[in-house]
Amino acid sequence: MISLIVNGKPQQLEVDPQTPLLWVLRDRLGLTGTKYGCGISACGACTVHVEGEAVRSCVTPLARLAGKRVTTIEGLSRDNDHPVQRAWIELDVPQCGFCQSGQIMAAVALLAKKPRPTDADIDATMSGILCRCGTYQRIRRAIHRAAELRRAGA
């Protein structure tokens, strides 16, 4: 039995400890906002937060998460009112949307560490999250906009 907190709710999971977090989220907990892209930590579609840090859930075994807090895209806000989500909507970032939960979770982690990121900060953080549609310029603009919204207390 492994205990952890997912999106603020305690979970007791009887699962093979080597099961990747991604499959526990999707198959056991029904949290399908976190996407499977590659299974080898190369695309970033599966990015979630563990104790506030962005991690790739497809390669994170459940055994490493005992007692930890996990936040998925579903746990970021109830009404898409997180500043990053608001900026994404305002600037119409996604095309197909497949990578967007990973993009958003990485952006939130970046802004928690660097409230005023430079383009270089954004590019360095986001470079490992692939967007098949190539919306990288809109993603960068949305991160800057989210930073503005956070500073304004919105």
Protein backbone atom coordinates (compact mmCIF):
# COMPACT_ATOMS: atom_id res chain seq x y z
CA MET A 1 0.00 0.00 0.00
CA ILE A 2 1.38 3.39 -0.98
CA SER A 3 -0.08 6.61 0.44
CA LEU A 4 0.21 9.96 -1.29
CA ILE A 5 -1.84 13.10 -1.79
CA VAL A 6 -3.15 13.78 -5.29
CA ASN A 7 -4.71 17.17 -5.97
CA GLY A 8 -5.18 17.68 -2.24
CA LYS A 9 -6.90 14.34 -1.63
CA PRO A 10 -5.23 11.50 0.32
CA GLN A 11 -4.92 8.31 -1.72
CA GLN A 12 -4.16 4.79 -0.52
CA LEU A 13 -3.03 2.74 -3.51
CA GLU A 14 -2.41 -0.95 -3.65
CA VAL A 15 -0.30 -1.01 -6.80
CA ASP A 16 3.04 -2.46 -7.86
CA PRO A 17 5.50 0.14 -6.48
CA GLN A 18 7.30 0.27 -9.83
CA THR A 19 4.16 1.33 -11.70
CA PRO A 20 4.73 4.73 -13.31
CA LEU A 21 2.73 7.54 -11.77
CA LEU A 22 1.17 8.34 -15.16
CA TRP A 23 -0.71 5.03 -15.25
CA VAL A 24 -1.86 5.34 -11.66
CA LEU A 25 -3.23 8.82 -12.40
CA ARG A 26 -4.97 7.81 -15.60
CA ASP A 27 -6.05 4.22 -14.97
CA ARG A 28 -6.58 4.06 -11.21
CA LEU A 29 -7.63 7.62 -10.35
CA GLY A 30 -9.34 8.60 -13.62
CA LEU A 31 -7.26 11.78 -14.02
CA THR A 32 -6.83 11.74 -17.77
CA GLY A 33 -5.63 15.32 -18.25
CA THR A 34 -2.05 14.10 -17.91
CA LYS A 35 -1.15 12.63 -21.31
CA TYR A 36 0.96 9.71 -22.45
CA GLY A 37 3.25 10.83 -25.24
CA CYS A 38 6.42 8.78 -25.36
CA GLY A 39 6.92 6.78 -22.17
CA ILE A 40 10.62 7.70 -21.97
CA SER A 41 10.54 11.25 -20.54
CA ALA A 42 11.36 12.80 -23.89
CA CYS A 43 8.20 14.74 -24.81
CA GLY A 44 6.88 16.24 -21.56
CA ALA A 45 3.17 15.61 -22.21
CA CYS A 46 3.00 13.75 -18.88
CA THR A 47 4.42 16.57 -16.73
CA VAL A 48 2.88 16.92 -13.27
CA HIS A 49 4.09 18.45 -10.00
CA VAL A 50 5.53 16.45 -7.14
CA GLU A 51 5.97 18.66 -4.08
CA GLY A 52 5.81 21.65 -6.45
CA GLU A 53 8.52 20.41 -8.83
CA ALA A 54 7.73 19.55 -12.44
CA VAL A 55 8.36 15.84 -13.08
CA ARG A 56 7.70 13.42 -15.91
CA SER A 57 5.08 11.03 -14.61
CA CYS A 58 5.71 8.40 -17.29
CA VAL A 59 9.06 7.48 -15.70
CA THR A 60 8.34 8.24 -12.04
CA PRO A 61 7.65 5.02 -10.12
CA LEU A 62 4.97 5.20 -7.48
CA ALA A 63 7.45 3.91 -4.90
CA ARG A 64 9.27 7.28 -4.95
CA LEU A 65 6.10 9.17 -4.09
CA ALA A 66 5.08 7.73 -0.74
CA GLY A 67 3.75 10.54 1.45
CA LYS A 68 4.27 13.19 -1.24
CA ARG A 69 1.94 15.74 -2.80
CA VAL A 70 1.16 15.33 -6.50
CA THR A 71 -0.66 17.96 -8.52
CA THR A 72 -2.07 17.29 -11.97
CA ILE A 73 -3.65 19.68 -14.44
CA GLU A 74 -7.02 18.84 -12.86
CA GLY A 75 -5.72 20.03 -9.48
CA LEU A 76 -4.30 23.31 -10.69
CA SER A 77 -7.64 25.13 -10.38
CA ARG A 78 -11.33 24.38 -10.30
CA ASP A 79 -12.45 26.82 -12.98
CA ASN A 80 -9.39 27.32 -15.18
CA ASP A 81 -8.72 30.49 -13.21
CA HIS A 82 -5.04 29.88 -12.49
CA PRO A 83 -3.06 32.74 -14.10
CA VAL A 84 -1.29 30.34 -16.48
CA GLN A 85 -4.57 28.78 -17.59
CA ARG A 86 -6.11 32.24 -18.01
CA ALA A 87 -3.18 33.38 -20.12
CA TRP A 88 -3.38 30.22 -22.25
CA ILE A 89 -7.05 30.88 -22.92
CA GLU A 90 -6.62 34.62 -23.47
CA LEU A 91 -3.85 34.09 -26.05
CA ASP A 92 -5.50 31.04 -27.64
CA VAL A 93 -2.33 28.97 -27.26
CA PRO A 94 -3.36 25.41 -28.15
CA GLN A 95 -4.04 24.00 -31.55
CA CYS A 96 -4.50 20.27 -31.04
CA GLY A 97 -4.02 20.63 -27.27
CA PHE A 98 -2.32 17.28 -26.69
CA CYS A 99 0.81 18.69 -25.02
CA GLN A 100 -0.91 21.56 -23.26
CA SER A 101 -1.34 20.05 -19.80
CA GLY A 102 2.39 19.29 -19.72
CA GLN A 103 3.20 22.76 -21.06
CA ILE A 104 0.99 24.43 -18.46
CA MET A 105 2.37 22.40 -15.56
CA ALA A 106 5.95 23.20 -16.60
CA ALA A 107 5.07 26.89 -16.95
CA VAL A 108 3.50 26.98 -13.48
CA ALA A 109 6.64 25.44 -11.97
CA LEU A 110 8.82 27.95 -13.83
CA LEU A 111 6.82 30.93 -12.60
CA ALA A 112 6.95 29.66 -9.02
CA LYS A 113 10.76 29.83 -9.22
CA LYS A 114 11.12 32.82 -11.53
CA PRO A 115 8.19 35.24 -11.32
CA ARG A 116 9.75 37.42 -14.02
CA PRO A 117 11.23 34.94 -16.49
CA THR A 118 13.23 36.06 -19.48
CA ASP A 119 12.76 34.55 -22.92
CA ALA A 120 15.90 32.52 -22.25
CA ASP A 121 14.45 31.21 -18.96
CA ILE A 122 11.25 30.21 -20.72
CA ASP A 123 13.05 28.59 -23.63
CA ALA A 124 15.35 26.62 -21.32
CA THR A 125 12.47 25.33 -19.21
CA MET A 126 10.04 24.62 -22.01
CA SER A 127 12.48 23.21 -24.56
CA GLY A 128 11.95 19.66 -23.32
CA ILE A 129 8.21 19.73 -23.87
CA LEU A 130 7.36 19.01 -27.46
CA CYS A 131 4.48 20.70 -29.23
CA ARG A 132 3.52 18.89 -32.40
CA CYS A 133 1.71 21.99 -33.65
CA GLY A 134 4.66 24.33 -33.05
CA THR A 135 2.87 26.88 -30.85
CA TYR A 136 6.11 27.76 -29.06
CA GLN A 137 5.83 31.53 -29.69
CA ARG A 138 2.30 31.60 -28.26
CA ILE A 139 3.45 29.52 -25.29
CA ARG A 140 6.22 32.01 -24.58
CA ARG A 141 3.82 34.96 -24.84
CA ALA A 142 1.34 33.21 -22.56
CA ILE A 143 4.00 32.61 -19.91
CA HIS A 144 4.91 36.30 -19.96
CA ARG A 145 1.20 37.16 -19.75
CA ALA A 146 0.71 34.75 -16.83
CA ALA A 147 3.61 36.44 -15.04
CA GLU A 148 1.85 39.79 -15.52
CA LEU A 149 -1.42 38.37 -14.21
CA ARG A 150 0.34 36.95 -11.15
CA ARG A 151 2.03 40.27 -10.40
CA ALA A 152 -1.32 42.04 -10.72
CA GLY A 153 -2.80 39.57 -8.25
CA ALA A 154 -5.31 38.36 -10.80
